[in-house]
Amino acid sequence: MKKFFIILAIAVFHLVFTKFISIIALSVVTAHVHESQLPFIGRSLMVMSKVLYFPIFTFALYPRQFFPGNFIIIPLFINSLLWALLIYVLFVLVKRISVQPE
């Protein structure tokens, strides 16, 4: 049960962080809408958003017509759960590898 709550906490953190980065990226892009090229921070925020939205949103693995309006949070949370599972598994693997039996 403890593992479930750890994975859920990582997923919620990822979800909040993803939305936070997206809001900042949107504000930077709209502030420089009349310029021919985004500043470095704008480009880096866009790349960070693409990484955080990977794989569900990057490959469009969800039908948008099933998630209108605020229901978009469902595939976004599924994406965060996938990230949380990956992070947790990598953490456990690194922990097992680093602890060497005597």
C-alpha atoms as a PDB file:
ATOM      1  CA  MET A   1       0.000   0.000   0.000  1.00  0.00           C
ATOM      2  CA  LYS A   2       2.931   2.299   0.717  1.00  0.00           C
ATOM      3  CA  LYS A   3       4.207   1.814  -2.847  1.00  0.00           C
ATOM      4  CA  PHE A   4       0.832   2.850  -4.227  1.00  0.00           C
ATOM      5  CA  PHE A   5       0.869   6.125  -2.282  1.00  0.00           C
ATOM      6  CA  ILE A   6       4.456   6.857  -3.313  1.00  0.00           C
ATOM      7  CA  ILE A   7       3.572   6.340  -6.977  1.00  0.00           C
ATOM      8  CA  LEU A   8       0.422   8.441  -6.562  1.00  0.00           C
ATOM      9  CA  ALA A   9       2.409  11.237  -4.907  1.00  0.00           C
ATOM     10  CA  ILE A  10       4.963  11.224  -7.731  1.00  0.00           C
ATOM     11  CA  ALA A  11       2.116  11.318 -10.276  1.00  0.00           C
ATOM     12  CA  VAL A  12       0.423  14.270  -8.576  1.00  0.00           C
ATOM     13  CA  PHE A  13       3.741  16.122  -8.363  1.00  0.00           C
ATOM     14  CA  HIS A  14       4.372  15.439 -12.070  1.00  0.00           C
ATOM     15  CA  LEU A  15       0.872  16.629 -12.960  1.00  0.00           C
ATOM     16  CA  VAL A  16       1.240  19.888 -11.024  1.00  0.00           C
ATOM     17  CA  PHE A  17       4.760  20.478 -12.341  1.00  0.00           C
ATOM     18  CA  THR A  18       3.630  19.842 -15.928  1.00  0.00           C
ATOM     19  CA  LYS A  19       0.760  22.312 -15.627  1.00  0.00           C
ATOM     20  CA  PHE A  20       3.058  24.873 -13.990  1.00  0.00           C
ATOM     21  CA  ILE A  21       5.656  24.619 -16.783  1.00  0.00           C
ATOM     22  CA  SER A  22       2.889  24.810 -19.410  1.00  0.00           C
ATOM     23  CA  ILE A  23       1.473  28.001 -17.889  1.00  0.00           C
ATOM     24  CA  ILE A  24       4.902  29.628 -17.776  1.00  0.00           C
ATOM     25  CA  ALA A  25       5.656  28.542 -21.353  1.00  0.00           C
ATOM     26  CA  LEU A  26       2.339  29.940 -22.552  1.00  0.00           C
ATOM     27  CA  SER A  27       2.991  33.284 -20.873  1.00  0.00           C
ATOM     28  CA  VAL A  28       6.480  33.519 -22.385  1.00  0.00           C
ATOM     29  CA  VAL A  29       5.197  32.649 -25.850  1.00  0.00           C
ATOM     30  CA  THR A  30       2.348  35.166 -25.673  1.00  0.00           C
ATOM     31  CA  ALA A  31       4.717  37.869 -24.395  1.00  0.00           C
ATOM     32  CA  HIS A  32       6.910  37.412 -27.477  1.00  0.00           C
ATOM     33  CA  VAL A  33       4.191  36.760 -30.043  1.00  0.00           C
ATOM     34  CA  HIS A  34       5.253  39.646 -32.306  1.00  0.00           C
ATOM     35  CA  GLU A  35       8.916  38.628 -32.424  1.00  0.00           C
ATOM     36  CA  SER A  36      10.281  36.417 -35.179  1.00  0.00           C
ATOM     37  CA  GLN A  37      12.055  34.042 -32.783  1.00  0.00           C
ATOM     38  CA  LEU A  38      11.455  33.011 -29.193  1.00  0.00           C
ATOM     39  CA  PRO A  39      14.141  33.735 -26.621  1.00  0.00           C
ATOM     40  CA  PHE A  40      16.196  30.827 -25.291  1.00  0.00           C
ATOM     41  CA  ILE A  41      14.032  30.471 -22.172  1.00  0.00           C
ATOM     42  CA  GLY A  42      10.902  30.204 -24.309  1.00  0.00           C
ATOM     43  CA  ARG A  43      12.409  27.513 -26.500  1.00  0.00           C
ATOM     44  CA  SER A  44      13.693  25.576 -23.498  1.00  0.00           C
ATOM     45  CA  LEU A  45      10.279  25.743 -21.795  1.00  0.00           C
ATOM     46  CA  MET A  46       8.645  24.421 -24.954  1.00  0.00           C
ATOM     47  CA  VAL A  47      11.094  21.501 -25.074  1.00  0.00           C
ATOM     48  CA  MET A  48      10.505  20.812 -21.382  1.00  0.00           C
ATOM     49  CA  SER A  49       6.746  20.767 -21.995  1.00  0.00           C
ATOM     50  CA  LYS A  50       7.160  18.268 -24.823  1.00  0.00           C
ATOM     51  CA  VAL A  51       9.235  15.996 -22.576  1.00  0.00           C
ATOM     52  CA  LEU A  52       6.758  16.199 -19.695  1.00  0.00           C
ATOM     53  CA  TYR A  53       3.781  15.470 -21.967  1.00  0.00           C
ATOM     54  CA  PHE A  54       5.524  12.439 -23.495  1.00  0.00           C
ATOM     55  CA  PRO A  55       4.201   9.746 -24.384  1.00  0.00           C
ATOM     56  CA  ILE A  56       0.424  10.268 -24.236  1.00  0.00           C
ATOM     57  CA  PHE A  57       0.209  13.787 -25.622  1.00  0.00           C
ATOM     58  CA  THR A  58       3.231  13.594 -27.896  1.00  0.00           C
ATOM     59  CA  PHE A  59       1.884  10.676 -29.885  1.00  0.00           C
ATOM     60  CA  ALA A  60      -1.787  11.703 -29.475  1.00  0.00           C
ATOM     61  CA  LEU A  61      -2.721   8.322 -28.032  1.00  0.00           C
ATOM     62  CA  TYR A  62      -6.058   9.596 -26.795  1.00  0.00           C
ATOM     63  CA  PRO A  63      -9.183  10.553 -28.728  1.00  0.00           C
ATOM     64  CA  ARG A  64      -9.763  14.260 -28.040  1.00  0.00           C
ATOM     65  CA  GLN A  65     -13.512  14.049 -28.663  1.00  0.00           C
ATOM     66  CA  PHE A  66     -13.865  11.770 -25.596  1.00  0.00           C
ATOM     67  CA  PHE A  67     -12.213  14.362 -23.329  1.00  0.00           C
ATOM     68  CA  PRO A  68     -13.821  17.741 -24.028  1.00  0.00           C
ATOM     69  CA  GLY A  69     -13.087  20.772 -21.886  1.00  0.00           C
ATOM     70  CA  ASN A  70     -11.680  20.064 -18.445  1.00  0.00           C
ATOM     71  CA  PHE A  71     -11.884  16.287 -18.918  1.00  0.00           C
ATOM     72  CA  ILE A  72      -8.469  16.595 -20.588  1.00  0.00           C
ATOM     73  CA  ILE A  73      -7.119  16.075 -17.067  1.00  0.00           C
ATOM     74  CA  ILE A  74      -7.875  12.336 -17.398  1.00  0.00           C
ATOM     75  CA  PRO A  75      -5.269  11.533 -20.094  1.00  0.00           C
ATOM     76  CA  LEU A  76      -2.921  14.040 -18.474  1.00  0.00           C
ATOM     77  CA  PHE A  77      -3.157  12.166 -15.161  1.00  0.00           C
ATOM     78  CA  ILE A  78      -2.672   8.835 -16.951  1.00  0.00           C
ATOM     79  CA  ASN A  79       0.458  10.330 -18.498  1.00  0.00           C
ATOM     80  CA  SER A  80       1.647  11.382 -15.039  1.00  0.00           C
ATOM     81  CA  LEU A  81       0.957   7.896 -13.705  1.00  0.00           C
ATOM     82  CA  LEU A  82       3.121   6.417 -16.457  1.00  0.00           C
ATOM     83  CA  TRP A  83       5.910   8.801 -15.527  1.00  0.00           C
ATOM     84  CA  ALA A  84       5.482   7.964 -11.838  1.00  0.00           C
ATOM     85  CA  LEU A  85       5.701   4.239 -12.510  1.00  0.00           C
ATOM     86  CA  LEU A  86       8.840   4.718 -14.582  1.00  0.00           C
ATOM     87  CA  ILE A  87      10.479   6.927 -11.954  1.00  0.00           C
ATOM     88  CA  TYR A  88       9.583   4.509  -9.158  1.00  0.00           C
ATOM     89  CA  VAL A  89      10.881   1.459 -11.054  1.00  0.00           C
ATOM     90  CA  LEU A  90      14.132   3.243 -11.903  1.00  0.00           C
ATOM     91  CA  PHE A  91      14.545   4.299  -8.269  1.00  0.00           C
ATOM     92  CA  VAL A  92      14.010   0.720  -7.053  1.00  0.00           C
ATOM     93  CA  LEU A  93      16.432  -0.673  -9.655  1.00  0.00           C
ATOM     94  CA  VAL A  94      19.128   1.837  -8.765  1.00  0.00           C
ATOM     95  CA  LYS A  95      18.600   1.101  -5.080  1.00  0.00           C
ATOM     96  CA  ARG A  96      18.948  -2.667  -5.661  1.00  0.00           C
ATOM     97  CA  ILE A  97      22.022  -2.263  -7.828  1.00  0.00           C
ATOM     98  CA  SER A  98      23.745   0.094  -5.409  1.00  0.00           C
ATOM     99  CA  VAL A  99      23.211  -2.239  -2.433  1.00  0.00           C
ATOM    100  CA  GLN A 100      25.733  -4.998  -2.994  1.00  0.00           C
ATOM    101  CA  PRO A 101      25.505  -8.215  -0.975  1.00  0.00           C
ATOM    102  CA  GLU A 102      28.460  -9.019   1.217  1.00  0.00           C
END
